[in-house]
């Protein structure tokens, strides 16, 4: 009888321990995004671009941690028609961070599953790594998250009569949360930020 009570108590406690061990990581928040398609008129800039800001909490902290690190990560993806840089990885700039340790971020433009467009229907993947310059290990852990952005869903904007189009986050979708997961990669943090041997 005592053994039965012990096993019952253990069965009740284990899920509590498990939930504490896998506490959800705090989502990153996209605070601003703008995409631009040029008019093509003589004398105007020919570049397409995506500008995006995402908050920079320490990815190792959980959603219930009151000490979430603040700051902004600014990412810029620019290209000339028709060479949309899908699957190219670009470094991001970190500004106004309160993180106690150095972080590095990258962003990658991904095609949407259906009706892809590099400015109106696309995905972005972010990767973050701590102390990348000091990383010499044969394996490293990084944090990553993917956001989907689509006109009519979480983007709105306009196309002018001159031919340019500009799209940005809807107020009701600002900030836009990005769920975060951690992954293990072979090689240094710099290599992991460029998606080398991650699983």
N, C-alpha and C. Protein backbone atom coordinates (compact mmCIF):
# COMPACT_ATOMS: atom_id res chain seq x y z
N UNK A 1 0.83 -1.20 0.00
CA UNK A 1 0.00 0.00 0.00
C UNK A 1 0.86 1.25 0.00
N UNK A 2 1.93 1.28 0.86
CA UNK A 2 2.81 2.43 0.91
C UNK A 2 3.53 2.63 -0.42
N UNK A 3 3.94 1.51 -1.04
CA UNK A 3 4.60 1.60 -2.34
C UNK A 3 3.66 2.21 -3.38
N UNK A 4 2.40 1.79 -3.34
CA UNK A 4 1.41 2.32 -4.29
C UNK A 4 1.25 3.83 -4.11
N UNK A 5 1.19 4.28 -2.83
CA UNK A 5 1.04 5.71 -2.57
C UNK A 5 2.27 6.48 -3.05
N UNK A 6 3.45 5.88 -2.85
CA UNK A 6 4.69 6.53 -3.29
C UNK A 6 4.72 6.68 -4.81
N UNK A 7 4.33 5.63 -5.52
CA UNK A 7 4.33 5.68 -6.98
C UNK A 7 3.30 6.68 -7.50
N UNK A 8 2.16 6.78 -6.84
CA UNK A 8 1.14 7.72 -7.24
C UNK A 8 1.63 9.16 -7.06
N UNK A 9 2.29 9.41 -5.93
CA UNK A 9 2.82 10.75 -5.68
C UNK A 9 3.90 11.11 -6.69
N UNK A 10 4.74 10.12 -7.02
CA UNK A 10 5.81 10.36 -7.99
C UNK A 10 5.24 10.67 -9.36
N UNK A 11 4.20 9.95 -9.75
CA UNK A 11 3.57 10.17 -11.05
C UNK A 11 2.97 11.57 -11.14
N UNK A 12 2.47 12.06 -10.00
CA UNK A 12 1.89 13.40 -9.98
C UNK A 12 2.97 14.47 -10.06
N UNK A 13 4.11 14.23 -9.43
CA UNK A 13 5.17 15.23 -9.36
C UNK A 13 5.98 15.33 -10.63
N UNK A 14 6.17 14.23 -11.34
CA UNK A 14 7.04 14.23 -12.51
C UNK A 14 6.62 15.23 -13.58
N UNK A 15 5.32 15.35 -13.94
CA UNK A 15 4.96 16.36 -14.94
C UNK A 15 5.30 17.78 -14.51
N UNK A 16 5.23 18.05 -13.18
CA UNK A 16 5.58 19.38 -12.70
C UNK A 16 7.05 19.65 -12.90
N UNK A 17 7.89 18.63 -12.60
CA UNK A 17 9.32 18.79 -12.82
C UNK A 17 9.62 18.97 -14.30
N UNK A 18 8.94 18.20 -15.14
CA UNK A 18 9.18 18.26 -16.59
C UNK A 18 8.79 19.62 -17.15
N UNK A 19 7.64 20.16 -16.70
CA UNK A 19 7.21 21.45 -17.24
C UNK A 19 8.16 22.55 -16.81
N UNK A 20 8.71 22.46 -15.60
CA UNK A 20 9.67 23.46 -15.17
C UNK A 20 10.95 23.39 -15.97
N UNK A 21 11.35 22.15 -16.35
CA UNK A 21 12.61 21.96 -17.06
C UNK A 21 12.53 22.47 -18.49
N UNK A 22 11.33 22.47 -19.07
CA UNK A 22 11.19 22.87 -20.47
C UNK A 22 10.34 24.15 -20.57
N UNK A 23 10.54 25.08 -19.62
CA UNK A 23 9.80 26.33 -19.64
C UNK A 23 9.97 27.02 -20.98
N UNK A 24 8.89 27.59 -21.47
CA UNK A 24 8.88 28.19 -22.80
C UNK A 24 9.80 29.39 -22.86
N UNK A 25 10.61 29.46 -23.92
CA UNK A 25 11.48 30.60 -24.12
C UNK A 25 10.64 31.83 -24.49
N UNK A 26 11.11 33.00 -24.05
CA UNK A 26 10.39 34.23 -24.34
C UNK A 26 10.41 34.52 -25.84
N UNK A 27 9.26 34.76 -26.46
CA UNK A 27 9.25 35.06 -27.90
C UNK A 27 9.99 36.35 -28.21
N UNK A 28 10.64 36.38 -29.36
CA UNK A 28 11.13 37.64 -29.90
C UNK A 28 9.92 38.40 -30.44
N UNK A 29 10.03 39.71 -30.49
CA UNK A 29 8.91 40.54 -30.95
C UNK A 29 9.36 41.41 -32.12
N UNK A 30 8.74 41.24 -33.27
CA UNK A 30 9.01 42.11 -34.41
C UNK A 30 8.25 43.42 -34.18
N UNK A 31 8.98 44.50 -33.97
CA UNK A 31 8.35 45.79 -33.67
C UNK A 31 8.13 46.64 -34.91
N UNK A 32 8.85 46.31 -35.99
CA UNK A 32 8.69 47.09 -37.21
C UNK A 32 9.21 46.28 -38.40
N UNK A 33 8.48 46.33 -39.50
CA UNK A 33 8.95 45.73 -40.75
C UNK A 33 8.42 46.58 -41.90
N UNK A 34 9.28 46.80 -42.88
CA UNK A 34 8.86 47.52 -44.09
C UNK A 34 9.49 46.84 -45.30
N UNK A 35 8.67 46.58 -46.30
CA UNK A 35 9.18 46.08 -47.57
C UNK A 35 8.93 47.13 -48.64
N UNK A 36 9.79 47.13 -49.66
CA UNK A 36 9.73 48.18 -50.67
C UNK A 36 9.99 47.58 -52.04
N UNK A 37 9.12 47.90 -52.98
CA UNK A 37 9.31 47.57 -54.39
C UNK A 37 9.44 48.87 -55.16
N UNK A 38 10.53 49.08 -55.90
CA UNK A 38 10.76 50.36 -56.56
C UNK A 38 9.82 50.57 -57.74
N UNK A 39 9.73 51.82 -58.15
CA UNK A 39 8.85 52.18 -59.26
C UNK A 39 9.44 51.81 -60.61
N UNK A 40 10.76 51.77 -60.67
CA UNK A 40 11.41 51.50 -61.95
C UNK A 40 11.58 52.73 -62.81
N UNK A 41 11.19 53.89 -62.30
CA UNK A 41 11.31 55.12 -63.08
C UNK A 41 12.77 55.58 -63.14
N UNK A 42 13.17 56.21 -64.21
CA UNK A 42 14.54 56.74 -64.32
C UNK A 42 14.86 57.69 -63.18
N UNK A 43 16.05 57.53 -62.61
CA UNK A 43 16.49 58.40 -61.53
C UNK A 43 16.11 57.93 -60.15
N UNK A 44 15.21 56.94 -60.04
CA UNK A 44 14.82 56.42 -58.72
C UNK A 44 15.69 55.22 -58.36
N UNK A 45 15.76 54.91 -57.07
CA UNK A 45 16.55 53.76 -56.63
C UNK A 45 15.96 52.47 -57.18
N UNK A 46 16.82 51.58 -57.73
CA UNK A 46 16.30 50.34 -58.31
C UNK A 46 16.18 49.20 -57.29
N UNK A 47 16.52 49.47 -56.04
CA UNK A 47 16.61 48.39 -55.05
C UNK A 47 15.27 48.04 -54.42
N UNK A 48 15.05 46.74 -54.29
CA UNK A 48 14.00 46.19 -53.43
C UNK A 48 14.63 46.01 -52.04
N UNK A 49 13.79 46.08 -50.98
CA UNK A 49 14.38 45.83 -49.67
C UNK A 49 13.34 45.37 -48.67
N UNK A 50 13.86 44.76 -47.61
CA UNK A 50 13.11 44.45 -46.40
C UNK A 50 13.91 45.01 -45.24
N UNK A 51 13.31 45.91 -44.46
CA UNK A 51 13.90 46.43 -43.23
C UNK A 51 13.06 45.91 -42.07
N UNK A 52 13.72 45.40 -41.06
CA UNK A 52 12.96 44.82 -39.96
C UNK A 52 13.70 45.02 -38.64
N UNK A 53 12.94 45.34 -37.59
CA UNK A 53 13.46 45.44 -36.23
C UNK A 53 12.81 44.37 -35.38
N UNK A 54 13.63 43.72 -34.57
CA UNK A 54 13.14 42.69 -33.67
C UNK A 54 13.76 42.93 -32.30
N UNK A 55 12.97 42.76 -31.23
CA UNK A 55 13.51 42.98 -29.89
C UNK A 55 14.57 41.93 -29.59
N UNK A 56 15.48 42.27 -28.72
CA UNK A 56 16.64 41.44 -28.45
C UNK A 56 16.68 40.96 -27.00
N UNK A 57 15.71 40.13 -26.60
CA UNK A 57 15.86 39.51 -25.28
C UNK A 57 16.95 38.46 -25.33
N UNK A 58 17.53 38.18 -24.18
CA UNK A 58 18.49 37.07 -24.10
C UNK A 58 17.71 35.80 -24.40
N UNK A 59 18.02 35.08 -25.49
CA UNK A 59 17.22 33.91 -25.86
C UNK A 59 17.22 32.80 -24.82
N UNK A 60 18.16 32.84 -23.87
CA UNK A 60 18.19 31.78 -22.85
C UNK A 60 17.17 32.02 -21.75
N UNK A 61 16.56 33.20 -21.69
CA UNK A 61 15.60 33.49 -20.63
C UNK A 61 14.20 33.02 -21.03
N UNK A 62 13.40 32.71 -20.05
CA UNK A 62 12.07 32.17 -20.29
C UNK A 62 11.02 33.27 -20.26
N UNK A 63 9.84 32.93 -20.73
CA UNK A 63 8.75 33.89 -20.80
C UNK A 63 8.31 34.38 -19.43
N UNK A 64 8.58 33.62 -18.38
CA UNK A 64 8.17 34.00 -17.04
C UNK A 64 9.27 34.74 -16.29
N UNK A 65 10.43 34.93 -16.91
CA UNK A 65 11.56 35.61 -16.27
C UNK A 65 11.33 37.12 -16.34
N UNK A 66 11.29 37.81 -15.19
CA UNK A 66 11.02 39.25 -15.20
C UNK A 66 12.21 40.06 -15.70
N UNK A 67 13.39 39.46 -15.79
CA UNK A 67 14.58 40.19 -16.17
C UNK A 67 14.92 40.07 -17.64
N UNK A 68 13.91 40.10 -18.52
CA UNK A 68 14.14 39.96 -19.95
C UNK A 68 15.02 41.10 -20.45
N UNK A 69 16.06 40.73 -21.17
CA UNK A 69 16.96 41.72 -21.74
C UNK A 69 16.26 42.53 -22.82
N UNK A 70 16.51 43.83 -22.84
CA UNK A 70 15.89 44.71 -23.83
C UNK A 70 16.91 45.10 -24.90
N UNK A 71 16.40 45.66 -25.99
CA UNK A 71 17.27 46.10 -27.08
C UNK A 71 16.58 45.88 -28.41
N UNK A 72 17.29 46.18 -29.49
CA UNK A 72 16.75 46.01 -30.83
C UNK A 72 17.80 45.37 -31.73
N UNK A 73 17.31 44.53 -32.63
CA UNK A 73 18.14 43.97 -33.68
C UNK A 73 17.60 44.51 -34.99
N UNK A 74 18.47 45.17 -35.76
CA UNK A 74 18.05 45.75 -37.04
C UNK A 74 18.63 44.92 -38.18
N UNK A 75 17.76 44.46 -39.08
CA UNK A 75 18.19 43.63 -40.21
C UNK A 75 17.75 44.28 -41.51
N UNK A 76 18.62 44.22 -42.50
CA UNK A 76 18.37 44.84 -43.80
C UNK A 76 18.70 43.83 -44.89
N UNK A 77 17.73 43.58 -45.77
CA UNK A 77 17.93 42.71 -46.93
C UNK A 77 17.60 43.54 -48.17
N UNK A 78 18.56 43.71 -49.06
CA UNK A 78 18.35 44.51 -50.27
C UNK A 78 18.79 43.72 -51.49
N UNK A 79 18.13 43.98 -52.62
CA UNK A 79 18.49 43.26 -53.84
C UNK A 79 17.98 43.99 -55.07
N UNK A 80 18.46 43.56 -56.22
CA UNK A 80 18.02 44.08 -57.50
C UNK A 80 17.17 43.02 -58.20
N UNK A 81 16.13 43.47 -58.88
CA UNK A 81 15.27 42.55 -59.63
C UNK A 81 16.09 41.88 -60.73
N UNK A 82 15.92 40.56 -60.98
CA UNK A 82 14.94 39.66 -60.34
C UNK A 82 15.57 38.75 -59.30
N UNK A 83 16.70 39.16 -58.72
CA UNK A 83 17.51 38.27 -57.89
C UNK A 83 17.13 38.34 -56.42
N UNK A 84 15.92 37.96 -56.07
CA UNK A 84 15.52 37.91 -54.66
C UNK A 84 16.44 36.93 -53.92
N UNK A 85 17.05 37.35 -52.81
CA UNK A 85 18.10 36.54 -52.16
C UNK A 85 17.54 35.47 -51.22
N UNK A 86 16.69 34.60 -51.77
CA UNK A 86 16.18 33.52 -50.94
C UNK A 86 17.34 32.63 -50.47
N UNK A 87 17.27 32.25 -49.17
CA UNK A 87 18.23 31.34 -48.55
C UNK A 87 19.61 31.95 -48.37
N UNK A 88 19.76 33.24 -48.65
CA UNK A 88 21.00 33.94 -48.32
C UNK A 88 20.91 34.44 -46.88
N UNK A 89 22.01 34.36 -46.16
CA UNK A 89 22.04 34.74 -44.75
C UNK A 89 22.84 36.02 -44.59
N UNK A 90 22.24 37.02 -43.90
CA UNK A 90 22.87 38.32 -43.72
C UNK A 90 23.02 38.62 -42.23
N UNK A 91 24.09 39.32 -41.89
CA UNK A 91 24.31 39.73 -40.50
C UNK A 91 23.38 40.87 -40.15
N UNK A 92 22.93 40.91 -38.89
CA UNK A 92 22.08 41.98 -38.38
C UNK A 92 22.89 42.85 -37.43
N UNK A 93 22.39 44.05 -37.19
CA UNK A 93 23.05 44.99 -36.28
C UNK A 93 22.26 45.06 -34.98
N UNK A 94 22.97 44.97 -33.86
CA UNK A 94 22.35 45.04 -32.54
C UNK A 94 22.52 46.45 -31.99
N UNK A 95 21.42 47.07 -31.53
CA UNK A 95 21.48 48.44 -31.01
C UNK A 95 20.76 48.51 -29.67
N UNK A 96 21.26 49.37 -28.80
CA UNK A 96 20.62 49.67 -27.51
C UNK A 96 20.33 48.43 -26.68
N UNK A 97 21.27 47.50 -26.66
CA UNK A 97 21.02 46.27 -25.91
C UNK A 97 21.47 46.39 -24.46
N UNK A 98 20.77 45.71 -23.58
CA UNK A 98 21.15 45.64 -22.17
C UNK A 98 21.69 44.25 -21.83
N UNK A 99 21.95 43.43 -22.85
CA UNK A 99 22.44 42.08 -22.61
C UNK A 99 23.81 42.12 -21.94
N UNK A 100 24.04 41.30 -20.91
CA UNK A 100 25.33 41.31 -20.21
C UNK A 100 26.45 40.66 -21.03
N UNK A 101 26.11 39.90 -22.05
CA UNK A 101 27.12 39.26 -22.89
C UNK A 101 26.86 39.61 -24.35
N UNK A 102 27.90 39.44 -25.17
CA UNK A 102 27.78 39.80 -26.59
C UNK A 102 26.97 38.75 -27.34
N UNK A 103 26.09 39.22 -28.22
CA UNK A 103 25.30 38.34 -29.08
C UNK A 103 25.51 38.75 -30.53
N UNK A 104 25.36 37.80 -31.42
CA UNK A 104 25.38 38.08 -32.85
C UNK A 104 24.13 37.47 -33.46
N UNK A 105 23.57 38.16 -34.46
CA UNK A 105 22.32 37.72 -35.09
C UNK A 105 22.49 37.69 -36.60
N UNK A 106 21.77 36.78 -37.24
CA UNK A 106 21.66 36.77 -38.70
C UNK A 106 20.19 36.61 -39.08
N UNK A 107 19.88 36.96 -40.33
CA UNK A 107 18.53 36.81 -40.85
C UNK A 107 18.62 36.15 -42.22
N UNK A 108 17.61 35.35 -42.54
CA UNK A 108 17.56 34.63 -43.81
C UNK A 108 16.17 34.77 -44.42
N UNK A 109 16.12 35.14 -45.69
CA UNK A 109 14.86 35.25 -46.42
C UNK A 109 14.47 33.89 -46.98
N UNK A 110 13.24 33.46 -46.69
CA UNK A 110 12.75 32.15 -47.13
C UNK A 110 11.51 32.33 -47.99
N UNK A 111 11.33 31.44 -48.96
CA UNK A 111 10.14 31.46 -49.80
C UNK A 111 8.93 30.93 -49.02
N UNK A 112 7.80 31.54 -49.24
CA UNK A 112 6.55 31.03 -48.69
C UNK A 112 6.17 29.74 -49.41
N UNK A 113 5.38 28.91 -48.74
CA UNK A 113 4.99 27.62 -49.32
C UNK A 113 4.11 27.79 -50.55
N UNK A 114 3.24 28.80 -50.55
CA UNK A 114 2.34 29.03 -51.68
C UNK A 114 2.40 30.49 -52.10
N UNK A 115 2.33 30.74 -53.40
CA UNK A 115 2.33 32.09 -53.96
C UNK A 115 3.41 32.98 -53.35
N UNK A 116 4.67 32.55 -53.40
CA UNK A 116 5.73 33.34 -52.76
C UNK A 116 5.97 34.66 -53.45
N UNK A 117 6.30 35.67 -52.66
CA UNK A 117 6.72 36.98 -53.14
C UNK A 117 7.72 37.53 -52.13
N UNK A 118 8.81 38.06 -52.62
CA UNK A 118 9.87 38.52 -51.72
C UNK A 118 9.49 39.78 -50.93
N UNK A 119 8.41 40.45 -51.30
CA UNK A 119 8.00 41.65 -50.56
C UNK A 119 6.58 41.57 -50.01
N UNK A 120 5.76 40.62 -50.46
CA UNK A 120 4.38 40.57 -50.00
C UNK A 120 3.97 39.24 -49.39
N UNK A 121 4.79 38.20 -49.53
CA UNK A 121 4.46 36.88 -48.97
C UNK A 121 5.75 36.09 -48.83
N UNK A 122 6.33 36.11 -47.62
CA UNK A 122 7.66 35.53 -47.41
C UNK A 122 7.82 35.15 -45.95
N UNK A 123 8.92 34.48 -45.66
CA UNK A 123 9.27 34.14 -44.29
C UNK A 123 10.68 34.65 -43.98
N UNK A 124 10.92 34.94 -42.71
CA UNK A 124 12.25 35.33 -42.25
C UNK A 124 12.67 34.39 -41.12
N UNK A 125 13.92 33.94 -41.19
CA UNK A 125 14.47 33.12 -40.12
C UNK A 125 15.62 33.87 -39.46
N UNK A 126 15.52 34.04 -38.14
CA UNK A 126 16.60 34.65 -37.37
C UNK A 126 17.39 33.58 -36.63
N UNK A 127 18.67 33.85 -36.45
CA UNK A 127 19.54 33.01 -35.63
C UNK A 127 20.34 33.91 -34.70
N UNK A 128 20.54 33.47 -33.45
CA UNK A 128 21.30 34.25 -32.47
C UNK A 128 22.28 33.34 -31.76
N UNK A 129 23.47 33.86 -31.52
CA UNK A 129 24.50 33.10 -30.80
C UNK A 129 25.22 34.02 -29.84
N UNK A 130 25.61 33.48 -28.69
CA UNK A 130 26.31 34.26 -27.68
C UNK A 130 27.82 34.19 -27.88
N UNK A 131 28.49 35.32 -27.66
CA UNK A 131 29.95 35.40 -27.69
C UNK A 131 30.56 34.71 -28.91
N UNK A 132 30.12 35.05 -30.12
CA UNK A 132 30.59 34.32 -31.31
C UNK A 132 32.09 34.45 -31.55
N UNK A 133 32.68 35.60 -31.21
CA UNK A 133 34.10 35.79 -31.48
C UNK A 133 34.97 34.92 -30.58
N UNK A 134 34.43 34.55 -29.41
CA UNK A 134 35.20 33.72 -28.49
C UNK A 134 34.94 32.23 -28.69
N UNK A 135 34.06 31.90 -29.61
CA UNK A 135 33.68 30.50 -29.82
C UNK A 135 34.70 29.76 -30.67
N UNK A 136 35.29 28.75 -30.07
CA UNK A 136 36.23 27.89 -30.81
C UNK A 136 35.87 26.43 -30.66
N UNK A 137 34.71 26.17 -30.04
CA UNK A 137 34.31 24.79 -29.77
C UNK A 137 33.95 24.07 -31.07
N UNK A 138 33.96 22.75 -31.01
CA UNK A 138 33.59 21.95 -32.17
C UNK A 138 32.08 21.83 -32.31
N UNK A 139 31.34 22.27 -31.29
CA UNK A 139 29.89 22.32 -31.37
C UNK A 139 29.40 23.51 -30.56
N UNK A 140 28.23 24.01 -30.91
CA UNK A 140 27.70 25.19 -30.23
C UNK A 140 26.18 25.16 -30.27
N UNK A 141 25.56 25.91 -29.38
CA UNK A 141 24.10 26.03 -29.33
C UNK A 141 23.70 27.41 -29.82
N UNK A 142 22.70 27.48 -30.70
CA UNK A 142 22.17 28.75 -31.14
C UNK A 142 20.67 28.77 -30.91
N UNK A 143 20.09 29.97 -31.02
CA UNK A 143 18.65 30.14 -30.86
C UNK A 143 18.09 30.67 -32.16
N UNK A 144 16.94 30.16 -32.56
CA UNK A 144 16.40 30.48 -33.87
C UNK A 144 14.88 30.59 -33.84
N UNK A 145 14.33 31.36 -34.76
CA UNK A 145 12.89 31.50 -34.88
C UNK A 145 12.53 31.95 -36.29
N UNK A 146 11.33 31.56 -36.74
CA UNK A 146 10.86 31.87 -38.09
C UNK A 146 9.53 32.61 -37.99
N UNK A 147 9.40 33.68 -38.79
CA UNK A 147 8.14 34.41 -38.88
C UNK A 147 7.65 34.46 -40.31
N UNK A 148 6.34 34.34 -40.48
CA UNK A 148 5.71 34.42 -41.80
C UNK A 148 5.01 35.77 -41.93
N UNK A 149 5.23 36.44 -43.08
CA UNK A 149 4.68 37.77 -43.30
C UNK A 149 3.98 37.79 -44.65
N UNK A 150 2.72 38.23 -44.64
CA UNK A 150 1.91 38.20 -45.87
C UNK A 150 0.92 39.36 -45.88
N UNK A 151 0.84 40.04 -47.03
CA UNK A 151 -0.15 41.11 -47.21
C UNK A 151 -1.55 40.51 -47.09
N UNK A 152 -2.39 41.15 -46.31
CA UNK A 152 -3.73 40.65 -46.06
C UNK A 152 -3.82 39.82 -44.81
N UNK A 153 -2.67 39.35 -44.33
CA UNK A 153 -2.63 38.58 -43.08
C UNK A 153 -2.10 39.49 -41.97
N UNK A 154 -0.79 39.72 -41.94
CA UNK A 154 -0.23 40.62 -40.94
C UNK A 154 0.47 41.83 -41.53
N UNK A 155 0.44 41.96 -42.88
CA UNK A 155 1.02 43.13 -43.54
C UNK A 155 -0.08 43.94 -44.24
N UNK A 156 0.13 45.25 -44.31
CA UNK A 156 -0.74 46.13 -45.06
C UNK A 156 0.13 47.20 -45.71
N UNK A 157 -0.45 47.96 -46.63
CA UNK A 157 0.31 49.01 -47.28
C UNK A 157 -0.38 49.48 -48.54
N UNK A 158 0.42 49.97 -49.48
CA UNK A 158 -0.16 50.55 -50.68
C UNK A 158 0.83 50.53 -51.83
N UNK A 159 0.31 50.63 -53.03
CA UNK A 159 1.11 50.83 -54.23
C UNK A 159 0.70 52.19 -54.82
N UNK A 160 1.69 53.04 -55.04
CA UNK A 160 1.42 54.38 -55.53
C UNK A 160 1.23 54.38 -57.04
N UNK A 161 0.65 55.47 -57.54
CA UNK A 161 0.45 55.59 -58.97
C UNK A 161 1.76 55.63 -59.74
N UNK A 162 2.84 56.06 -59.07
CA UNK A 162 4.15 56.12 -59.73
C UNK A 162 4.77 54.74 -59.90
N UNK A 163 4.22 53.74 -59.18
CA UNK A 163 4.69 52.37 -59.39
C UNK A 163 5.35 51.71 -58.21
N UNK A 164 5.76 52.47 -57.18
CA UNK A 164 6.39 51.82 -56.03
C UNK A 164 5.33 51.26 -55.09
N UNK A 165 5.72 50.23 -54.33
CA UNK A 165 4.84 49.62 -53.33
C UNK A 165 5.57 49.53 -52.00
N UNK A 166 4.87 49.77 -50.91
CA UNK A 166 5.44 49.69 -49.58
C UNK A 166 4.46 48.97 -48.66
N UNK A 167 4.99 48.00 -47.89
CA UNK A 167 4.15 47.19 -47.01
C UNK A 167 4.78 47.16 -45.62
N UNK A 168 3.93 47.08 -44.60
CA UNK A 168 4.40 47.11 -43.23
C UNK A 168 3.42 46.36 -42.34
N UNK A 169 3.82 46.12 -41.09
CA UNK A 169 2.97 45.39 -40.15
C UNK A 169 1.68 46.14 -39.86
N UNK A 170 0.58 45.39 -39.81
CA UNK A 170 -0.68 45.97 -39.37
C UNK A 170 -0.56 46.37 -37.89
N UNK A 171 -1.22 47.45 -37.48
CA UNK A 171 -1.20 47.84 -36.07
C UNK A 171 -1.68 46.72 -35.14
N UNK A 172 -2.66 45.94 -35.60
CA UNK A 172 -3.18 44.86 -34.77
C UNK A 172 -2.20 43.68 -34.65
N UNK A 173 -1.16 43.68 -35.47
CA UNK A 173 -0.15 42.62 -35.43
C UNK A 173 1.22 43.15 -34.98
N UNK A 174 1.21 44.31 -34.33
CA UNK A 174 2.45 44.93 -33.85
C UNK A 174 2.43 45.01 -32.33
N UNK A 175 3.41 44.43 -31.64
CA UNK A 175 4.52 43.64 -32.19
C UNK A 175 4.05 42.25 -32.60
N UNK A 176 4.83 41.63 -33.50
CA UNK A 176 4.50 40.30 -33.99
C UNK A 176 5.45 39.29 -33.34
N UNK A 177 4.92 38.29 -32.61
CA UNK A 177 5.78 37.37 -31.86
C UNK A 177 6.44 36.31 -32.75
N UNK A 178 7.68 35.98 -32.41
CA UNK A 178 8.43 34.93 -33.09
C UNK A 178 8.82 33.89 -32.04
N UNK A 179 8.30 32.68 -32.16
CA UNK A 179 8.64 31.63 -31.22
C UNK A 179 10.10 31.22 -31.38
N UNK A 180 10.75 30.93 -30.26
CA UNK A 180 12.18 30.68 -30.23
C UNK A 180 12.46 29.24 -29.82
N UNK A 181 13.40 28.60 -30.51
CA UNK A 181 13.89 27.27 -30.13
C UNK A 181 15.41 27.29 -30.14
N UNK A 182 16.01 26.36 -29.42
CA UNK A 182 17.46 26.22 -29.44
C UNK A 182 17.83 24.98 -30.23
N UNK A 183 18.94 25.06 -30.96
CA UNK A 183 19.41 23.94 -31.77
C UNK A 183 20.91 23.77 -31.56
N UNK A 184 21.38 22.56 -31.75
CA UNK A 184 22.80 22.24 -31.66
C UNK A 184 23.42 22.23 -33.05
N UNK A 185 24.61 22.77 -33.17
CA UNK A 185 25.30 22.83 -34.46
C UNK A 185 26.74 22.36 -34.29
N UNK A 186 27.28 21.78 -35.32
CA UNK A 186 28.68 21.42 -35.35
C UNK A 186 29.50 22.62 -35.81
N UNK A 187 30.62 22.88 -35.16
CA UNK A 187 31.47 24.01 -35.54
C UNK A 187 31.31 25.17 -34.59
N UNK A 188 31.90 26.31 -34.96
CA UNK A 188 31.88 27.50 -34.13
C UNK A 188 30.54 28.22 -34.23
N UNK A 189 30.36 29.22 -33.35
CA UNK A 189 29.13 30.01 -33.40
C UNK A 189 28.99 30.74 -34.72
N UNK A 190 30.09 31.23 -35.26
CA UNK A 190 30.06 31.93 -36.54
C UNK A 190 29.55 31.01 -37.64
N UNK A 191 30.00 29.76 -37.62
CA UNK A 191 29.53 28.79 -38.61
C UNK A 191 28.06 28.46 -38.39
N UNK A 192 27.67 28.35 -37.12
CA UNK A 192 26.27 28.02 -36.81
C UNK A 192 25.33 29.13 -37.24
N UNK A 193 25.76 30.38 -37.11
CA UNK A 193 24.93 31.51 -37.53
C UNK A 193 24.67 31.49 -39.03
N UNK A 194 25.52 30.79 -39.76
CA UNK A 194 25.35 30.64 -41.20
C UNK A 194 24.82 29.26 -41.58
N UNK A 195 24.19 28.60 -40.58
CA UNK A 195 23.47 27.35 -40.81
C UNK A 195 24.35 26.22 -41.31
N UNK A 196 25.56 26.10 -40.77
CA UNK A 196 26.44 25.02 -41.15
C UNK A 196 26.32 23.88 -40.15
N UNK A 197 25.85 22.74 -40.61
CA UNK A 197 25.78 21.52 -39.80
C UNK A 197 24.96 21.71 -38.53
N UNK A 198 23.76 22.25 -38.68
CA UNK A 198 22.84 22.39 -37.56
C UNK A 198 21.75 21.33 -37.66
N UNK A 199 21.28 20.87 -36.53
CA UNK A 199 20.28 19.81 -36.52
C UNK A 199 19.33 19.99 -35.35
